[in-house]
C-alpha atoms as a PDB file:
ATOM      1  CA  MET A   1       5.775  -4.070   8.819  1.00  0.00           C
ATOM      2  CA  VAL A   2       2.974  -7.221   8.894  1.00  0.00           C
ATOM      3  CA  PHE A   3       1.398  -9.338   6.196  1.00  0.00           C
ATOM      4  CA  LYS A   4      -2.025 -10.892   8.300  1.00  0.00           C
ATOM      5  CA  TYR A   5      -4.680  -8.917   6.516  1.00  0.00           C
ATOM      6  CA  LEU A   6      -2.212  -9.229   3.391  1.00  0.00           C
ATOM      7  CA  GLU A   7      -5.550 -10.172   0.596  1.00  0.00           C
ATOM      8  CA  GLU A   8      -3.986 -12.548  -1.998  1.00  0.00           C
ATOM      9  CA  GLY A   9      -6.880 -13.410  -4.229  1.00  0.00           C
ATOM     10  CA  SER A  10      -8.237 -10.175  -5.079  1.00  0.00           C
ATOM     11  CA  ARG A  11      -8.240  -9.060  -8.474  1.00  0.00           C
ATOM     12  CA  ASP A  12      -7.913  -5.580  -8.242  1.00  0.00           C
ATOM     13  CA  PHE A  13      -4.981  -6.595  -6.500  1.00  0.00           C
ATOM     14  CA  SER A  14      -3.118  -9.712  -6.987  1.00  0.00           C
ATOM     15  CA  PHE A  15       0.278  -9.733  -7.071  1.00  0.00           C
ATOM     16  CA  GLU A  16       0.518 -13.822  -8.904  1.00  0.00           C
ATOM     17  CA  ASP A  17       0.409 -11.866 -12.301  1.00  0.00           C
ATOM     18  CA  LYS A  18       2.383 -13.111 -14.812  1.00  0.00           C
ATOM     19  CA  LYS A  19       3.648  -9.976 -16.560  1.00  0.00           C
ATOM     20  CA  PHE A  20       5.997  -8.715 -14.158  1.00  0.00           C
ATOM     21  CA  LYS A  21       9.068  -9.629 -13.716  1.00  0.00           C
ATOM     22  CA  ALA A  22      11.225 -10.555 -10.861  1.00  0.00           C
ATOM     23  CA  LYS A  23      12.951  -6.818 -10.660  1.00  0.00           C
ATOM     24  CA  TYR A  24       9.692  -6.120  -9.663  1.00  0.00           C
ATOM     25  CA  TYR A  25       9.346  -7.925  -6.514  1.00  0.00           C
ATOM     26  CA  ILE A  26      13.056  -7.659  -5.596  1.00  0.00           C
ATOM     27  CA  GLU A  27      12.532  -3.832  -5.795  1.00  0.00           C
ATOM     28  CA  LEU A  28       9.106  -3.992  -3.313  1.00  0.00           C
ATOM     29  CA  ILE A  29      11.349  -6.381  -1.056  1.00  0.00           C
ATOM     30  CA  LYS A  30      14.002  -3.768  -1.174  1.00  0.00           C
ATOM     31  CA  ARG A  31      11.086  -1.131  -0.252  1.00  0.00           C
ATOM     32  CA  LEU A  32      10.157  -3.120   2.472  1.00  0.00           C
ATOM     33  CA  LYS A  33      13.049  -3.529   4.361  1.00  0.00           C
ATOM     34  CA  LEU A  34      14.150   0.103   4.127  1.00  0.00           C
ATOM     35  CA  MET A  35      10.555   0.722   5.484  1.00  0.00           C
ATOM     36  CA  GLU A  36      10.285  -2.191   8.346  1.00  0.00           C
ATOM     37  CA  THR A  37      11.991  -0.023  11.080  1.00  0.00           C
ATOM     38  CA  PHE A  38       9.683   3.098  10.527  1.00  0.00           C
ATOM     39  CA  ASP A  39       7.520   4.291  13.723  1.00  0.00           C
ATOM     40  CA  GLU A  40       4.397   5.847  13.167  1.00  0.00           C
ATOM     41  CA  HIS A  41       5.525   9.258  13.489  1.00  0.00           C
ATOM     42  CA  THR A  42       7.414   8.584  10.546  1.00  0.00           C
ATOM     43  CA  PHE A  43       4.855   7.400   8.110  1.00  0.00           C
ATOM     44  CA  ARG A  44       2.509   9.655   9.105  1.00  0.00           C
ATOM     45  CA  PHE A  45       4.724  12.901   8.359  1.00  0.00           C
ATOM     46  CA  LYS A  46       8.090  12.137   6.922  1.00  0.00           C
ATOM     47  CA  LEU A  47       7.721  10.087   3.965  1.00  0.00           C
ATOM     48  CA  GLN A  48       5.639  12.376   1.494  1.00  0.00           C
ATOM     49  CA  ASP A  49       8.473  12.514  -0.633  1.00  0.00           C
ATOM     50  CA  GLY A  50       9.077  11.538  -4.142  1.00  0.00           C
ATOM     51  CA  TYR A  51      11.037   8.008  -2.850  1.00  0.00           C
ATOM     52  CA  TYR A  52       8.010   6.725  -0.935  1.00  0.00           C
ATOM     53  CA  ARG A  53       5.310   9.044  -1.891  1.00  0.00           C
ATOM     54  CA  CYS A  54       3.783   7.755   1.588  1.00  0.00           C
ATOM     55  CA  HIS A  55       0.125   9.114   1.891  1.00  0.00           C
ATOM     56  CA  PRO A  56      -2.704   8.531   3.773  1.00  0.00           C
ATOM     57  CA  ILE A  57      -5.600   6.805   1.267  1.00  0.00           C
ATOM     58  CA  ASN A  58      -8.433   9.220  -0.078  1.00  0.00           C
ATOM     59  CA  TRP A  59     -11.023   6.485  -0.539  1.00  0.00           C
ATOM     60  CA  ASN A  60     -13.506   9.231  -2.394  1.00  0.00           C
ATOM     61  CA  LYS A  61     -11.308   9.373  -4.724  1.00  0.00           C
ATOM     62  CA  SER A  62     -10.626   5.175  -4.813  1.00  0.00           C
ATOM     63  CA  THR A  63     -12.013   2.894  -6.843  1.00  0.00           C
ATOM     64  CA  LYS A  64     -13.049   1.068  -3.147  1.00  0.00           C
ATOM     65  CA  LYS A  65     -15.037   3.905  -1.681  1.00  0.00           C
ATOM     66  CA  LYS A  66     -15.933   1.810   1.561  1.00  0.00           C
ATOM     67  CA  GLY A  67     -11.934   1.036   1.963  1.00  0.00           C
ATOM     68  CA  PHE A  68     -11.027  -2.241   3.432  1.00  0.00           C
ATOM     69  CA  ASP A  69     -14.857  -3.347   4.411  1.00  0.00           C
ATOM     70  CA  HIS A  70     -13.833  -6.907   4.343  1.00  0.00           C
ATOM     71  CA  LEU A  71     -11.731  -6.468   7.558  1.00  0.00           C
ATOM     72  CA  ALA A  72     -12.819  -5.803  11.049  1.00  0.00           C
ATOM     73  CA  ASN A  73     -14.336  -1.983  11.684  1.00  0.00           C
ATOM     74  CA  GLN A  74     -11.548  -1.089  14.053  1.00  0.00           C
ATOM     75  CA  ILE A  75      -9.826   0.145  11.636  1.00  0.00           C
ATOM     76  CA  CYS A  76     -10.177   3.655  10.973  1.00  0.00           C
ATOM     77  CA  SER A  77     -10.084   5.747   7.893  1.00  0.00           C
ATOM     78  CA  ASP A  78      -7.504   7.899   9.407  1.00  0.00           C
ATOM     79  CA  ASP A  79      -5.160   5.050  10.048  1.00  0.00           C
ATOM     80  CA  CYS A  80      -4.778   4.259   6.090  1.00  0.00           C
ATOM     81  CA  TYR A  81      -2.013   4.679   3.817  1.00  0.00           C
ATOM     82  CA  GLN A  82      -0.359   4.072   0.661  1.00  0.00           C
ATOM     83  CA  PHE A  83       3.336   4.374  -0.630  1.00  0.00           C
ATOM     84  CA  SER A  84       5.294   3.450  -3.592  1.00  0.00           C
ATOM     85  CA  THR A  85       6.395  -0.047  -4.288  1.00  0.00           C
ATOM     86  CA  GLY A  86       9.827   1.413  -5.991  1.00  0.00           C
ATOM     87  CA  PHE A  87       8.711   0.399  -9.159  1.00  0.00           C
ATOM     88  CA  LYS A  88       6.578   2.282 -11.608  1.00  0.00           C
ATOM     89  CA  LYS A  89       3.575   2.932 -10.883  1.00  0.00           C
ATOM     90  CA  GLY A  90       3.311   0.147  -7.836  1.00  0.00           C
ATOM     91  CA  ARG A  91       2.102   1.083  -4.443  1.00  0.00           C
ATOM     92  CA  VAL A  92       1.031  -1.040  -1.458  1.00  0.00           C
ATOM     93  CA  HIS A  93      -2.171  -0.428   0.406  1.00  0.00           C
ATOM     94  CA  GLY A  94      -2.576  -1.105   4.234  1.00  0.00           C
ATOM     95  CA  PHE A  95      -3.427   1.003   7.506  1.00  0.00           C
ATOM     96  CA  LEU A  96      -0.961   2.001  11.247  1.00  0.00           C
ATOM     97  CA  ILE A  97      -1.911   0.388  14.618  1.00  0.00           C
ATOM     98  CA  GLY A  98       0.857   2.167  16.307  1.00  0.00           C
ATOM     99  CA  ASN A  99       3.819   1.322  15.130  1.00  0.00           C
ATOM    100  CA  ILE A 100       3.235  -1.405  12.578  1.00  0.00           C
ATOM    101  CA  TYR A 101       1.809  -1.059   9.412  1.00  0.00           C
ATOM    102  CA  HIS A 102      -0.190  -4.037   8.332  1.00  0.00           C
ATOM    103  CA  ILE A 103      -0.203  -4.774   4.552  1.00  0.00           C
ATOM    104  CA  VAL A 104      -3.798  -5.224   3.067  1.00  0.00           C
ATOM    105  CA  TRP A 105      -3.354  -4.734  -0.482  1.00  0.00           C
ATOM    106  CA  ILE A 106      -0.029  -4.602  -3.470  1.00  0.00           C
ATOM    107  CA  ASP A 107      -1.362  -2.553  -5.804  1.00  0.00           C
ATOM    108  CA  PHE A 108       1.311  -3.393  -8.940  1.00  0.00           C
ATOM    109  CA  ASN A 109      -1.473  -1.186 -11.585  1.00  0.00           C
ATOM    110  CA  HIS A 110      -1.932   1.716  -9.341  1.00  0.00           C
ATOM    111  CA  ASN A 111      -5.909   0.560  -9.506  1.00  0.00           C
ATOM    112  CA  LEU A 112      -6.819   1.705  -6.320  1.00  0.00           C
ATOM    113  CA  CYS A 113      -6.505   5.121  -7.270  1.00  0.00           C
ATOM    114  CA  PRO A 114      -5.916   4.905 -11.048  1.00  0.00           C
ATOM    115  CA  SER A 115      -4.308   8.444 -12.614  1.00  0.00           C
ATOM    116  CA  LYS A 116      -6.015   9.691 -15.216  1.00  0.00           C
ATOM    117  CA  ASN A 117      -2.310  10.259 -17.141  1.00  0.00           C
ATOM    118  CA  ARG A 118      -1.852   6.683 -17.266  1.00  0.00           C
END
């Protein structure tokens, strides 16, 4: 896990929201620690279950149709994945380069792909 591309000041994906309590951040850190050693194959093919809910980001069904357009063009949409933060509906959005997952957005409210059932 790498935070080089983490966008901290985004209105939709800010992790400075006062309504989230310490337990949320603790669950997020626990999840990141569990996943830090996962390789590319694991990310792509073995984490789709209910615990991680890891899957490619479908930009067409998202609020950001152009994806990570603020980043370099080298980031292929096929390499963009989201997974559960481990607490309620939150997600982490990022991309894979080899075995490294680069975190771009921490989405506590599932704003990128809002559910109709919220």
